[in-house]
Amino acid sequence: MTALGTIDRPLTHDPLKQALMTPNTTTSEQPHGSATADFITAGAMTSRQNRTREMQLIPEALARAHMDDRMREVDAERQALRLVAARRMQRRAERVSLRARRALAMAVMH
């Protein structure tokens, strides 16, 4: 099957000359949503009017959500590193305290 243009690589980049993305009711060979061969210029413009501001802002919203996820990951990692460092310092302080108690006991006994 040879197609003149696909969704990824249209025959033309001019929106006025692109085919509409509507179901073809006359032939059942084409799948639902395939571009029809006979298109009208006015229909091409009206089919592109559904690009609302919300649709234009979807990539920005996705990027913001991705950055929020990354910031949460970084904060969790930073908190985990602080916890590990605190436990390390606590173990070190306990060893120093035990050593000091031993030294005091040795000094008292002699």
C-alpha atoms as a PDB file:
ATOM      1  CA  MET A   1       0.000   0.000   0.000  1.00  0.00           C
ATOM      2  CA  THR A   2       1.478   3.310  -1.051  1.00  0.00           C
ATOM      3  CA  ALA A   3       0.144   6.438   0.601  1.00  0.00           C
ATOM      4  CA  LEU A   4       0.737   9.968  -0.622  1.00  0.00           C
ATOM      5  CA  GLY A   5       1.107  11.281   2.919  1.00  0.00           C
ATOM      6  CA  THR A   6       0.924  10.024   6.477  1.00  0.00           C
ATOM      7  CA  ILE A   7       0.227  11.677   9.791  1.00  0.00           C
ATOM      8  CA  ASP A   8       3.943  11.864  10.627  1.00  0.00           C
ATOM      9  CA  ARG A   9       4.986  12.896   7.133  1.00  0.00           C
ATOM     10  CA  PRO A  10       2.130  14.773   5.443  1.00  0.00           C
ATOM     11  CA  LEU A  11       2.175  15.427   1.742  1.00  0.00           C
ATOM     12  CA  THR A  12       2.142  19.157   2.493  1.00  0.00           C
ATOM     13  CA  HIS A  13       2.747  21.217   5.610  1.00  0.00           C
ATOM     14  CA  ASP A  14       0.244  23.867   4.569  1.00  0.00           C
ATOM     15  CA  PRO A  15      -2.824  23.482   6.831  1.00  0.00           C
ATOM     16  CA  LEU A  16      -5.086  24.783   4.083  1.00  0.00           C
ATOM     17  CA  LYS A  17      -4.081  21.945   1.769  1.00  0.00           C
ATOM     18  CA  GLN A  18      -4.064  19.083   4.284  1.00  0.00           C
ATOM     19  CA  ALA A  19      -6.800  16.486   4.264  1.00  0.00           C
ATOM     20  CA  LEU A  20      -9.327  16.339   7.086  1.00  0.00           C
ATOM     21  CA  MET A  21      -9.003  13.671   9.754  1.00  0.00           C
ATOM     22  CA  THR A  22     -12.597  12.410   9.526  1.00  0.00           C
ATOM     23  CA  PRO A  23     -13.943   8.881   9.090  1.00  0.00           C
ATOM     24  CA  ASN A  24     -14.620   7.874   5.505  1.00  0.00           C
ATOM     25  CA  THR A  25     -18.196   6.598   5.330  1.00  0.00           C
ATOM     26  CA  THR A  26     -18.155   5.646   1.632  1.00  0.00           C
ATOM     27  CA  THR A  27     -15.407   3.010   1.690  1.00  0.00           C
ATOM     28  CA  SER A  28     -14.831   0.563   4.511  1.00  0.00           C
ATOM     29  CA  GLU A  29     -11.231  -0.176   3.428  1.00  0.00           C
ATOM     30  CA  GLN A  30      -9.731   2.775   5.254  1.00  0.00           C
ATOM     31  CA  PRO A  31      -9.523   2.743   9.050  1.00  0.00           C
ATOM     32  CA  HIS A  32     -11.492   5.173  11.184  1.00  0.00           C
ATOM     33  CA  GLY A  33      -9.858   8.597  11.261  1.00  0.00           C
ATOM     34  CA  SER A  34      -7.792   8.239   8.086  1.00  0.00           C
ATOM     35  CA  ALA A  35      -7.447  11.263   5.863  1.00  0.00           C
ATOM     36  CA  THR A  36      -9.922  11.439   3.015  1.00  0.00           C
ATOM     37  CA  ALA A  37      -8.694  12.051  -0.490  1.00  0.00           C
ATOM     38  CA  ASP A  38     -11.337  14.647  -1.294  1.00  0.00           C
ATOM     39  CA  PHE A  39     -11.022  17.576   1.071  1.00  0.00           C
ATOM     40  CA  ILE A  40     -12.196  21.134   1.103  1.00  0.00           C
ATOM     41  CA  THR A  41     -10.178  24.131   2.200  1.00  0.00           C
ATOM     42  CA  ALA A  42     -12.800  25.477   4.600  1.00  0.00           C
ATOM     43  CA  GLY A  43     -13.044  22.102   6.340  1.00  0.00           C
ATOM     44  CA  ALA A  44      -9.283  22.041   6.874  1.00  0.00           C
ATOM     45  CA  MET A  45      -9.463  25.348   8.714  1.00  0.00           C
ATOM     46  CA  THR A  46     -12.461  24.395  10.862  1.00  0.00           C
ATOM     47  CA  SER A  47     -10.880  21.096  11.866  1.00  0.00           C
ATOM     48  CA  ARG A  48      -7.913  23.002  13.286  1.00  0.00           C
ATOM     49  CA  GLN A  49     -10.020  25.400  15.358  1.00  0.00           C
ATOM     50  CA  ASN A  50     -10.176  22.887  18.237  1.00  0.00           C
ATOM     51  CA  ARG A  51      -6.621  23.746  19.279  1.00  0.00           C
ATOM     52  CA  THR A  52      -7.609  25.464  22.487  1.00  0.00           C
ATOM     53  CA  ARG A  53      -5.363  27.251  24.919  1.00  0.00           C
ATOM     54  CA  GLU A  54      -5.483  24.215  27.229  1.00  0.00           C
ATOM     55  CA  MET A  55      -4.099  22.053  24.444  1.00  0.00           C
ATOM     56  CA  GLN A  56      -1.368  24.597  23.776  1.00  0.00           C
ATOM     57  CA  LEU A  57      -0.376  24.509  27.463  1.00  0.00           C
ATOM     58  CA  ILE A  58      -0.253  20.701  27.791  1.00  0.00           C
ATOM     59  CA  PRO A  59       3.534  20.467  27.175  1.00  0.00           C
ATOM     60  CA  GLU A  60       4.144  23.187  29.745  1.00  0.00           C
ATOM     61  CA  ALA A  61       1.966  21.394  32.286  1.00  0.00           C
ATOM     62  CA  LEU A  62       3.768  18.121  31.604  1.00  0.00           C
ATOM     63  CA  ALA A  63       7.143  19.802  32.049  1.00  0.00           C
ATOM     64  CA  ARG A  64       5.970  21.401  35.308  1.00  0.00           C
ATOM     65  CA  ALA A  65       4.727  18.030  36.619  1.00  0.00           C
ATOM     66  CA  HIS A  66       8.005  16.390  35.614  1.00  0.00           C
ATOM     67  CA  MET A  67      10.007  19.070  37.425  1.00  0.00           C
ATOM     68  CA  ASP A  68       7.822  18.689  40.527  1.00  0.00           C
ATOM     69  CA  ASP A  69       8.470  14.935  40.517  1.00  0.00           C
ATOM     70  CA  ARG A  70      12.201  15.507  40.157  1.00  0.00           C
ATOM     71  CA  MET A  71      12.203  18.054  42.995  1.00  0.00           C
ATOM     72  CA  ARG A  72      10.352  15.590  45.244  1.00  0.00           C
ATOM     73  CA  GLU A  73      12.886  12.885  44.361  1.00  0.00           C
ATOM     74  CA  VAL A  74      15.798  15.221  45.109  1.00  0.00           C
ATOM     75  CA  ASP A  75      14.265  16.285  48.436  1.00  0.00           C
ATOM     76  CA  ALA A  76      13.688  12.652  49.447  1.00  0.00           C
ATOM     77  CA  GLU A  77      17.260  11.752  48.497  1.00  0.00           C
ATOM     78  CA  ARG A  78      18.630  14.748  50.391  1.00  0.00           C
ATOM     79  CA  GLN A  79      16.610  13.782  53.478  1.00  0.00           C
ATOM     80  CA  ALA A  80      17.840  10.182  53.243  1.00  0.00           C
ATOM     81  CA  LEU A  81      21.456  11.386  53.056  1.00  0.00           C
ATOM     82  CA  ARG A  82      20.905  13.599  56.125  1.00  0.00           C
ATOM     83  CA  LEU A  83      19.442  10.638  58.016  1.00  0.00           C
ATOM     84  CA  VAL A  84      22.410   8.427  57.110  1.00  0.00           C
ATOM     85  CA  ALA A  85      24.849  11.137  58.223  1.00  0.00           C
ATOM     86  CA  ALA A  86      22.960  11.642  61.510  1.00  0.00           C
ATOM     87  CA  ARG A  87      23.040   7.906  62.273  1.00  0.00           C
ATOM     88  CA  ARG A  88      26.751   7.801  61.470  1.00  0.00           C
ATOM     89  CA  MET A  89      27.426  10.713  63.834  1.00  0.00           C
ATOM     90  CA  GLN A  90      25.274   9.092  66.534  1.00  0.00           C
ATOM     91  CA  ARG A  91      27.259   5.834  66.331  1.00  0.00           C
ATOM     92  CA  ARG A  92      30.499   7.799  66.464  1.00  0.00           C
ATOM     93  CA  ALA A  93      29.299   9.756  69.519  1.00  0.00           C
ATOM     94  CA  GLU A  94      28.302   6.507  71.242  1.00  0.00           C
ATOM     95  CA  ARG A  95      31.754   5.029  70.606  1.00  0.00           C
ATOM     96  CA  VAL A  96      33.456   8.164  71.942  1.00  0.00           C
ATOM     97  CA  SER A  97      31.200   8.114  75.027  1.00  0.00           C
ATOM     98  CA  LEU A  98      31.969   4.442  75.667  1.00  0.00           C
ATOM     99  CA  ARG A  99      35.692   5.108  75.288  1.00  0.00           C
ATOM    100  CA  ALA A 100      35.465   8.003  77.769  1.00  0.00           C
ATOM    101  CA  ARG A 101      33.586   5.823  80.290  1.00  0.00           C
ATOM    102  CA  ARG A 102      36.227   3.126  79.986  1.00  0.00           C
ATOM    103  CA  ALA A 103      39.015   5.652  80.478  1.00  0.00           C
ATOM    104  CA  LEU A 104      37.237   7.051  83.567  1.00  0.00           C
ATOM    105  CA  ALA A 105      36.741   3.584  85.004  1.00  0.00           C
ATOM    106  CA  MET A 106      40.379   2.731  84.387  1.00  0.00           C
ATOM    107  CA  ALA A 107      41.473   5.989  86.113  1.00  0.00           C
ATOM    108  CA  VAL A 108      39.228   5.323  89.140  1.00  0.00           C
ATOM    109  CA  MET A 109      40.403   1.723  89.524  1.00  0.00           C
ATOM    110  CA  HIS A 110      44.140   2.572  89.474  1.00  0.00           C
END
